[in-house]
N, C-alpha and C. Protein backbone atom coordinates (compact mmCIF):
# COMPACT_ATOMS: atom_id res chain seq x y z
N UNK A 1 41.01 15.04 4.03
CA UNK A 1 39.75 14.90 3.54
C UNK A 1 39.02 14.06 4.59
N UNK A 2 37.72 14.50 4.86
CA UNK A 2 36.76 13.95 6.10
C UNK A 2 35.82 12.94 5.49
N UNK A 3 35.67 11.97 5.97
CA UNK A 3 34.66 10.99 5.56
C UNK A 3 33.51 11.27 6.22
N UNK A 4 32.46 11.05 5.39
CA UNK A 4 31.04 11.23 5.97
C UNK A 4 30.45 9.96 6.45
N UNK A 5 29.83 9.92 7.58
CA UNK A 5 29.32 8.76 8.24
C UNK A 5 28.14 8.57 7.57
N UNK A 6 27.88 7.28 7.35
CA UNK A 6 26.54 7.03 6.78
C UNK A 6 25.42 7.21 7.77
N UNK A 7 24.29 7.58 7.38
CA UNK A 7 23.16 8.00 8.20
C UNK A 7 22.55 6.85 9.03
N UNK A 8 22.54 6.99 10.32
CA UNK A 8 21.87 5.91 11.27
C UNK A 8 20.68 6.35 11.63
N UNK A 9 20.02 7.33 11.08
CA UNK A 9 18.60 7.73 11.35
C UNK A 9 17.71 6.77 10.61
N UNK A 10 16.76 6.21 11.66
CA UNK A 10 15.90 5.27 11.03
C UNK A 10 14.59 5.93 10.27
N UNK A 11 14.11 5.34 9.10
CA UNK A 11 12.95 5.93 8.61
C UNK A 11 11.69 5.83 9.52
N UNK A 12 10.72 6.69 9.12
CA UNK A 12 9.54 6.75 10.13
C UNK A 12 8.85 5.39 9.71
N UNK A 13 7.97 5.05 10.68
CA UNK A 13 7.01 3.83 10.45
C UNK A 13 6.39 4.16 9.03
N UNK A 14 5.92 5.12 8.79
CA UNK A 14 5.08 5.36 7.51
C UNK A 14 5.94 5.12 6.35
N UNK A 15 7.10 5.70 6.60
CA UNK A 15 8.06 5.59 5.36
C UNK A 15 8.42 4.20 5.20
N UNK A 16 8.69 3.35 6.16
CA UNK A 16 8.96 2.01 6.15
C UNK A 16 7.76 1.15 5.50
N UNK A 17 6.56 1.53 5.80
CA UNK A 17 5.50 0.73 5.28
C UNK A 17 5.20 1.10 3.71
N UNK A 18 5.54 2.45 3.47
CA UNK A 18 5.41 2.72 1.94
C UNK A 18 6.49 2.04 1.28
N UNK A 19 7.78 1.87 1.72
CA UNK A 19 8.84 1.07 1.15
C UNK A 19 8.38 -0.35 0.91
N UNK A 20 7.89 -0.86 2.19
CA UNK A 20 7.56 -2.38 1.76
C UNK A 20 6.43 -2.48 0.85
N UNK A 21 5.48 -1.59 0.78
CA UNK A 21 4.50 -1.69 -0.27
C UNK A 21 5.07 -1.55 -1.67
N UNK A 22 6.09 -0.76 -1.83
CA UNK A 22 6.63 -0.74 -3.20
C UNK A 22 7.19 -2.08 -3.60
N UNK A 23 7.91 -2.46 -2.35
CA UNK A 23 8.61 -3.77 -2.63
C UNK A 23 7.71 -5.08 -2.90
N UNK A 24 6.74 -4.96 -2.14
CA UNK A 24 5.58 -6.17 -2.11
C UNK A 24 4.18 -5.70 -2.46
N UNK A 25 3.94 -5.32 -3.55
CA UNK A 25 2.47 -5.00 -4.05
C UNK A 25 1.54 -6.41 -3.58
N UNK A 26 0.52 -5.93 -3.09
CA UNK A 26 -0.62 -6.94 -2.85
C UNK A 26 -0.08 -8.01 -1.75
N UNK A 27 0.50 -7.24 -0.76
CA UNK A 27 0.85 -8.08 0.40
C UNK A 27 -0.16 -7.85 1.70
N UNK A 28 -0.17 -8.87 2.45
CA UNK A 28 -1.14 -8.75 3.65
C UNK A 28 -0.39 -7.87 4.69
N UNK A 29 -1.09 -7.60 5.65
CA UNK A 29 -0.55 -6.39 6.95
C UNK A 29 0.62 -7.20 7.46
N UNK A 30 0.37 -8.51 7.81
CA UNK A 30 1.51 -9.35 8.39
C UNK A 30 2.75 -9.32 7.66
N UNK A 31 2.59 -9.56 6.33
CA UNK A 31 3.82 -9.54 5.29
C UNK A 31 4.55 -8.20 5.27
N UNK A 32 3.73 -7.14 5.23
CA UNK A 32 4.23 -5.81 5.20
C UNK A 32 4.98 -5.51 6.69
N UNK A 33 4.28 -5.95 7.74
CA UNK A 33 4.91 -5.77 9.21
C UNK A 33 6.32 -6.35 9.12
N UNK A 34 6.52 -7.60 8.65
CA UNK A 34 7.68 -8.25 8.60
C UNK A 34 8.69 -7.63 7.76
N UNK A 35 8.24 -7.19 6.63
CA UNK A 35 9.12 -6.45 5.56
C UNK A 35 9.60 -5.10 6.20
N UNK A 36 8.61 -4.34 6.92
CA UNK A 36 9.19 -3.21 7.37
C UNK A 36 9.80 -3.12 8.91
N UNK A 37 9.89 -4.33 9.50
CA UNK A 37 10.48 -4.36 10.73
C UNK A 37 9.56 -3.91 11.89
N UNK A 38 8.34 -3.61 11.69
CA UNK A 38 7.46 -3.08 12.58
C UNK A 38 6.28 -4.15 13.21
N UNK A 39 5.56 -3.62 14.16
CA UNK A 39 4.41 -4.50 14.64
C UNK A 39 3.28 -4.57 13.76
N UNK A 40 2.65 -5.56 13.83
CA UNK A 40 1.38 -5.78 13.06
C UNK A 40 0.36 -4.73 13.31
N UNK A 41 0.19 -4.35 14.58
CA UNK A 41 -0.76 -3.36 14.86
C UNK A 41 -0.50 -2.02 14.29
N UNK A 42 0.92 -1.81 14.44
CA UNK A 42 1.44 -0.40 13.96
C UNK A 42 1.05 -0.27 12.39
N UNK A 43 1.42 -1.26 11.77
CA UNK A 43 1.20 -1.35 10.41
C UNK A 43 -0.31 -1.41 9.97
N UNK A 44 -1.10 -2.08 10.71
CA UNK A 44 -2.67 -2.02 10.43
C UNK A 44 -3.21 -0.72 10.60
N UNK A 45 -2.70 0.00 11.67
CA UNK A 45 -3.08 1.31 11.74
C UNK A 45 -2.61 2.37 10.68
N UNK A 46 -1.60 2.13 10.30
CA UNK A 46 -0.90 3.10 9.16
C UNK A 46 -1.59 2.76 7.74
N UNK A 47 -1.86 1.60 7.58
CA UNK A 47 -2.60 1.29 6.37
C UNK A 47 -3.91 1.61 6.18
N UNK A 48 -4.67 1.76 7.54
CA UNK A 48 -6.10 2.37 7.57
C UNK A 48 -5.91 3.69 7.33
N UNK A 49 -5.07 4.32 7.99
CA UNK A 49 -4.80 5.92 7.83
C UNK A 49 -4.60 6.25 6.30
N UNK A 50 -3.54 5.31 5.70
CA UNK A 50 -3.25 5.70 4.11
C UNK A 50 -4.42 5.33 3.24
N UNK A 51 -5.31 4.42 3.74
CA UNK A 51 -6.52 4.02 2.85
C UNK A 51 -7.53 5.23 2.87
N UNK A 52 -7.62 5.71 4.24
CA UNK A 52 -8.65 6.99 4.24
C UNK A 52 -8.08 8.01 3.26
N UNK A 53 -6.70 8.16 3.26
CA UNK A 53 -6.24 9.25 2.35
C UNK A 53 -6.09 8.85 0.86
N UNK A 54 -6.60 7.73 0.60
CA UNK A 54 -6.66 7.19 -0.82
C UNK A 54 -5.35 6.93 -1.32
N UNK A 55 -4.30 6.70 -0.46
CA UNK A 55 -2.97 6.26 -0.95
C UNK A 55 -2.69 4.78 -1.15
N UNK A 56 -3.64 4.02 -0.40
CA UNK A 56 -3.46 2.54 -0.53
C UNK A 56 -4.79 2.04 -0.90
N UNK A 57 -4.70 0.86 -1.46
CA UNK A 57 -5.96 0.13 -1.76
C UNK A 57 -6.01 -1.23 -1.17
N UNK A 58 -7.28 -1.52 -0.61
CA UNK A 58 -7.30 -2.79 0.15
C UNK A 58 -8.01 -3.66 -0.63
N UNK A 59 -7.60 -5.10 -0.89
CA UNK A 59 -8.51 -6.02 -1.47
C UNK A 59 -8.97 -7.05 -0.52
N UNK A 60 -10.11 -7.19 -0.23
CA UNK A 60 -10.56 -7.95 0.81
C UNK A 60 -10.27 -9.39 0.57
N UNK A 61 -9.88 -10.20 1.56
CA UNK A 61 -9.29 -11.49 1.56
C UNK A 61 -10.38 -12.48 1.15
N UNK A 62 -11.71 -12.21 1.70
CA UNK A 62 -12.82 -13.17 1.43
C UNK A 62 -12.41 -14.43 2.50
N UNK A 63 -12.98 -15.49 2.10
CA UNK A 63 -13.10 -16.90 2.86
C UNK A 63 -12.61 -17.90 1.96
N UNK A 64 -11.80 -18.79 2.60
CA UNK A 64 -11.64 -20.16 1.96
C UNK A 64 -12.04 -21.23 2.89
N UNK A 65 -13.14 -21.70 2.52
CA UNK A 65 -13.85 -22.68 3.37
C UNK A 65 -14.39 -21.91 4.62
N UNK A 66 -14.12 -22.34 5.74
CA UNK A 66 -14.50 -21.52 6.89
C UNK A 66 -13.45 -20.55 7.52
N UNK A 67 -12.36 -20.63 6.88
CA UNK A 67 -11.23 -19.61 7.33
C UNK A 67 -11.31 -18.26 6.41
N UNK A 68 -11.03 -17.20 7.11
CA UNK A 68 -11.04 -15.92 6.65
C UNK A 68 -9.54 -15.57 6.20
N UNK A 69 -9.56 -15.24 4.87
CA UNK A 69 -8.16 -14.95 4.48
C UNK A 69 -7.78 -13.58 4.65
N UNK A 70 -6.58 -13.16 4.71
CA UNK A 70 -6.04 -11.76 4.97
C UNK A 70 -6.44 -10.86 3.88
N UNK A 71 -6.75 -9.61 4.20
CA UNK A 71 -6.88 -8.73 3.15
C UNK A 71 -5.31 -8.47 2.62
N UNK A 72 -5.42 -7.88 1.35
CA UNK A 72 -4.19 -7.43 0.62
C UNK A 72 -4.13 -6.10 0.36
N UNK A 73 -2.98 -5.60 0.32
CA UNK A 73 -2.88 -4.09 0.27
C UNK A 73 -1.84 -3.73 -0.84
N UNK A 74 -2.15 -2.61 -1.58
CA UNK A 74 -1.23 -2.05 -2.76
C UNK A 74 -1.20 -0.70 -2.60
N UNK A 75 -0.29 -0.01 -3.06
CA UNK A 75 -0.12 1.46 -3.37
C UNK A 75 -1.04 1.76 -4.48
N UNK A 76 -1.73 3.04 -4.29
CA UNK A 76 -2.53 3.48 -5.30
C UNK A 76 -1.63 4.38 -6.32
N UNK A 77 -2.24 4.61 -7.48
CA UNK A 77 -1.46 5.52 -8.47
C UNK A 77 -1.68 6.93 -7.90
N UNK A 78 -0.94 7.84 -8.33
CA UNK A 78 -1.18 9.28 -7.91
C UNK A 78 -2.60 9.82 -8.30
N UNK A 79 -2.97 9.45 -9.63
CA UNK A 79 -4.20 9.79 -10.22
C UNK A 79 -5.47 9.26 -9.30
N UNK A 80 -5.40 7.99 -8.87
CA UNK A 80 -6.37 7.45 -7.95
C UNK A 80 -6.36 8.14 -6.70
N UNK A 81 -5.26 8.44 -6.17
CA UNK A 81 -5.08 9.07 -4.88
C UNK A 81 -5.88 10.56 -4.80
N UNK A 82 -5.70 11.08 -5.96
CA UNK A 82 -6.18 12.68 -6.25
C UNK A 82 -7.81 12.34 -6.38
N UNK A 83 -8.19 11.40 -7.01
CA UNK A 83 -9.73 11.26 -7.17
C UNK A 83 -10.40 10.91 -5.85
N UNK A 84 -9.56 10.07 -4.95
CA UNK A 84 -10.27 9.68 -3.69
C UNK A 84 -10.19 11.03 -2.88
N UNK A 85 -9.24 11.82 -2.88
CA UNK A 85 -9.34 13.16 -2.21
C UNK A 85 -10.46 13.92 -2.62
N UNK A 86 -10.85 13.92 -3.87
CA UNK A 86 -12.07 14.63 -4.37
C UNK A 86 -13.40 14.01 -4.05
N UNK A 87 -13.31 12.69 -3.59
CA UNK A 87 -14.59 11.96 -3.27
C UNK A 87 -15.31 11.48 -4.42
N UNK A 88 -14.56 11.17 -5.58
CA UNK A 88 -15.18 10.79 -6.89
C UNK A 88 -15.98 9.44 -6.64
N UNK A 89 -16.78 9.20 -7.64
CA UNK A 89 -17.53 8.08 -7.67
C UNK A 89 -16.77 6.84 -7.26
N UNK A 90 -17.51 5.96 -6.53
CA UNK A 90 -16.66 4.72 -6.17
C UNK A 90 -15.94 4.72 -4.98
N UNK A 91 -15.44 5.97 -4.46
CA UNK A 91 -14.73 6.09 -3.36
C UNK A 91 -15.56 6.46 -2.22
N UNK A 92 -15.14 6.11 -0.90
CA UNK A 92 -15.87 6.25 0.19
C UNK A 92 -16.06 7.66 0.63
N UNK A 93 -17.28 8.17 0.88
CA UNK A 93 -17.72 9.55 1.13
C UNK A 93 -17.67 9.84 2.61
N UNK A 94 -17.37 11.04 3.02
CA UNK A 94 -17.52 11.35 4.57
C UNK A 94 -18.97 11.47 4.88
N UNK A 95 -19.37 11.13 6.07
CA UNK A 95 -20.77 11.28 6.42
C UNK A 95 -21.49 12.50 6.13
N UNK A 96 -22.73 12.36 5.37
CA UNK A 96 -23.44 13.45 4.93
C UNK A 96 -23.07 13.89 3.51
N UNK A 97 -21.90 13.49 3.04
CA UNK A 97 -21.48 13.98 1.64
C UNK A 97 -22.57 13.38 0.61
N UNK A 98 -22.94 12.43 0.80
CA UNK A 98 -23.97 11.86 -0.44
C UNK A 98 -25.25 12.81 -0.58
N UNK A 99 -25.68 13.32 0.49
CA UNK A 99 -26.92 14.19 0.47
C UNK A 99 -26.47 15.41 -0.57
N UNK A 100 -25.34 15.96 -0.51
CA UNK A 100 -24.83 17.05 -1.33
C UNK A 100 -24.82 16.56 -2.80
N UNK A 101 -24.12 15.48 -2.92
CA UNK A 101 -24.11 15.04 -4.38
C UNK A 101 -25.42 14.62 -4.90
N UNK A 102 -26.42 14.11 -4.10
CA UNK A 102 -27.70 13.74 -4.79
C UNK A 102 -28.47 15.01 -5.02
N UNK A 103 -28.39 16.14 -4.18
CA UNK A 103 -29.03 17.20 -4.49
C UNK A 103 -28.43 18.07 -5.56
N UNK A 104 -27.12 18.12 -5.83
CA UNK A 104 -26.53 18.68 -6.85
C UNK A 104 -26.87 17.91 -8.10
N UNK A 105 -26.87 16.63 -8.21
CA UNK A 105 -27.42 15.99 -9.43
C UNK A 105 -28.65 16.45 -9.79
N UNK A 106 -29.60 16.22 -8.81
CA UNK A 106 -31.04 16.57 -9.01
C UNK A 106 -31.29 18.03 -9.60
N UNK A 107 -30.46 19.05 -9.09
CA UNK A 107 -30.73 20.41 -9.55
C UNK A 107 -30.03 20.61 -10.97
N UNK A 108 -28.83 19.81 -11.18
CA UNK A 108 -28.28 20.00 -12.55
C UNK A 108 -29.09 19.41 -13.68
N UNK A 109 -29.80 18.36 -13.23
CA UNK A 109 -30.48 17.46 -14.21
C UNK A 109 -32.18 17.65 -14.04
N UNK A 110 -32.56 18.70 -13.63
CA UNK A 110 -33.81 19.01 -13.28
C UNK A 110 -34.84 18.70 -14.50
N UNK A 111 -34.48 18.89 -15.67
CA UNK A 111 -35.27 18.59 -16.89
C UNK A 111 -35.52 17.11 -16.94
N UNK A 112 -34.67 16.24 -16.38
CA UNK A 112 -34.86 14.69 -16.39
C UNK A 112 -35.77 14.22 -15.35
N UNK A 113 -36.08 15.00 -14.57
CA UNK A 113 -37.05 14.59 -13.34
C UNK A 113 -38.42 14.20 -13.59
N UNK A 114 -39.20 13.72 -12.68
CA UNK A 114 -38.80 13.40 -11.41
C UNK A 114 -37.83 12.13 -11.26
N UNK A 115 -37.19 12.11 -10.16
CA UNK A 115 -36.06 11.09 -10.01
C UNK A 115 -36.40 9.93 -9.10
N UNK A 116 -35.95 8.66 -9.35
CA UNK A 116 -36.15 7.63 -8.49
C UNK A 116 -34.59 7.32 -8.02
N UNK A 117 -34.77 6.58 -6.65
CA UNK A 117 -33.36 6.41 -6.24
C UNK A 117 -32.51 5.71 -7.15
N UNK A 118 -32.91 4.78 -7.91
CA UNK A 118 -32.07 3.78 -8.74
C UNK A 118 -31.48 4.76 -9.66
N UNK A 119 -32.30 5.55 -10.31
CA UNK A 119 -31.72 6.54 -11.27
C UNK A 119 -30.67 7.30 -10.96
N UNK A 120 -30.57 7.84 -9.80
CA UNK A 120 -29.66 8.69 -9.38
C UNK A 120 -28.42 7.72 -8.84
N UNK A 121 -28.70 6.68 -8.26
CA UNK A 121 -27.58 5.84 -7.77
C UNK A 121 -26.83 5.36 -8.97
N UNK A 122 -27.41 5.04 -10.14
CA UNK A 122 -26.61 4.61 -11.40
C UNK A 122 -25.73 5.78 -11.87
N UNK A 123 -26.38 7.01 -11.87
CA UNK A 123 -25.73 8.10 -12.32
C UNK A 123 -24.46 8.62 -11.67
N UNK A 124 -24.71 8.26 -10.24
CA UNK A 124 -23.53 8.68 -9.22
C UNK A 124 -22.68 7.42 -8.86
N UNK A 125 -22.83 6.31 -9.53
CA UNK A 125 -22.20 5.07 -9.27
C UNK A 125 -22.26 4.82 -7.65
N UNK A 126 -23.32 4.99 -7.04
CA UNK A 126 -23.51 4.76 -5.63
C UNK A 126 -24.62 3.77 -5.30
N UNK A 127 -24.74 3.12 -4.06
CA UNK A 127 -25.79 2.21 -3.72
C UNK A 127 -27.19 2.88 -3.76
N UNK A 128 -28.13 2.23 -4.39
CA UNK A 128 -29.45 2.79 -4.54
C UNK A 128 -30.06 2.97 -3.15
N UNK A 129 -29.81 1.92 -2.02
CA UNK A 129 -30.24 2.07 -0.70
C UNK A 129 -29.71 3.31 -0.24
N UNK A 130 -28.49 3.62 -0.17
CA UNK A 130 -27.76 4.81 0.30
C UNK A 130 -28.35 5.96 -0.31
N UNK A 131 -28.68 6.08 -1.62
CA UNK A 131 -29.44 7.27 -2.34
C UNK A 131 -30.84 7.42 -1.81
N UNK A 132 -31.54 6.25 -1.57
CA UNK A 132 -32.85 6.32 -1.08
C UNK A 132 -32.84 6.94 0.44
N UNK A 133 -31.91 6.61 1.19
CA UNK A 133 -31.79 7.10 2.55
C UNK A 133 -31.61 8.57 2.48
N UNK A 134 -30.74 8.93 1.58
CA UNK A 134 -30.32 10.36 1.36
C UNK A 134 -31.63 11.19 0.88
N UNK A 135 -32.55 10.58 0.06
CA UNK A 135 -33.54 11.24 -0.58
C UNK A 135 -34.63 11.43 0.57
N UNK A 136 -34.66 10.63 1.60
CA UNK A 136 -35.60 10.61 2.74
C UNK A 136 -35.10 11.85 3.59
N UNK A 137 -33.90 11.93 3.95
CA UNK A 137 -33.23 12.94 4.71
C UNK A 137 -33.41 14.40 4.02
N UNK A 138 -33.25 14.30 2.70
CA UNK A 138 -33.37 15.62 1.93
C UNK A 138 -34.90 16.10 1.98
N UNK A 139 -35.84 14.92 1.83
CA UNK A 139 -37.23 15.31 1.97
C UNK A 139 -37.81 16.05 3.26
N UNK A 140 -37.07 15.17 4.48
CA UNK A 140 -37.40 15.71 5.64
C UNK A 140 -37.02 17.20 5.95
N UNK A 141 -35.78 17.63 5.28
CA UNK A 141 -35.34 18.99 5.38
C UNK A 141 -35.70 19.93 4.31
N UNK A 142 -36.83 19.36 3.54
CA UNK A 142 -37.51 20.24 2.70
C UNK A 142 -36.60 20.77 1.37
N UNK A 143 -35.73 19.99 1.27
CA UNK A 143 -34.67 20.39 0.02
C UNK A 143 -35.18 19.66 -1.23
N UNK A 144 -35.79 18.58 -1.12
CA UNK A 144 -36.54 17.89 -2.17
C UNK A 144 -37.95 17.46 -1.78
N UNK A 145 -38.74 17.13 -2.74
CA UNK A 145 -40.06 16.70 -2.47
C UNK A 145 -40.40 15.50 -3.09
N UNK A 146 -41.23 14.61 -2.23
CA UNK A 146 -41.51 13.33 -2.76
C UNK A 146 -42.94 13.54 -3.83
N UNK A 147 -42.77 13.12 -4.93
CA UNK A 147 -43.85 13.45 -5.89
C UNK A 147 -44.54 12.19 -6.42
N UNK A 148 -44.01 10.93 -6.02
CA UNK A 148 -44.67 9.69 -6.42
C UNK A 148 -44.37 8.74 -5.32
N UNK A 149 -45.43 7.87 -5.04
CA UNK A 149 -45.31 6.88 -4.06
C UNK A 149 -44.84 5.39 -4.62
N UNK A 150 -45.53 5.07 -5.74
CA UNK A 150 -45.18 3.77 -6.35
C UNK A 150 -45.18 4.03 -7.80
N UNK A 151 -44.00 4.06 -8.65
CA UNK A 151 -42.66 4.09 -8.00
C UNK A 151 -42.34 5.46 -7.17
N UNK A 152 -41.39 5.09 -6.34
CA UNK A 152 -40.99 6.35 -5.39
C UNK A 152 -40.25 7.33 -6.39
N UNK A 153 -40.62 8.63 -6.26
CA UNK A 153 -39.96 9.73 -7.22
C UNK A 153 -40.00 10.95 -6.31
N UNK A 154 -38.88 11.72 -6.80
CA UNK A 154 -38.62 12.90 -6.08
C UNK A 154 -38.21 13.97 -6.89
N UNK A 155 -38.44 15.33 -6.67
CA UNK A 155 -38.16 16.37 -7.29
C UNK A 155 -37.41 17.56 -6.58
N UNK A 156 -36.62 18.32 -7.02
CA UNK A 156 -35.86 19.40 -6.17
C UNK A 156 -37.02 20.21 -5.66
N UNK A 157 -37.13 20.69 -4.37
CA UNK A 157 -37.98 21.75 -3.89
C UNK A 157 -37.99 23.16 -4.69
N UNK A 158 -38.97 23.50 -4.74
CA UNK A 158 -39.13 24.92 -5.60
C UNK A 158 -38.60 26.07 -4.69
């Protein structure tokens, strides 16, 4: 009978960070680095990558007096990660993606127009300033037209 040797293969850095996140939800990058046995720089880079993929969630640490508190990290549910991949409301979009969302919303709800930036922002759960900037870009490219100055209103281009 032969004995099998225990695996001496080390887990990848990403696997170690995921394991640390499961064991310590709502931990700082420094705490996760210590738990995973990795450098803080390595863990911070991996956390940023996992956040972009929608797999982890960052809770900003804020300030306590004049001192900045560390951000806290947690694993996301599979459902939230899927929504992040789709760019659903509330999640960070890729550059230029908001223009498509705004134009799509305006064409689907053309009967409710003309539209103001605030109306669209509320419907899409986005910043009204970002939507206003998007409408300016869309107007410059003749995809929408400005139909009112005060209050600012836009309609899809014919």
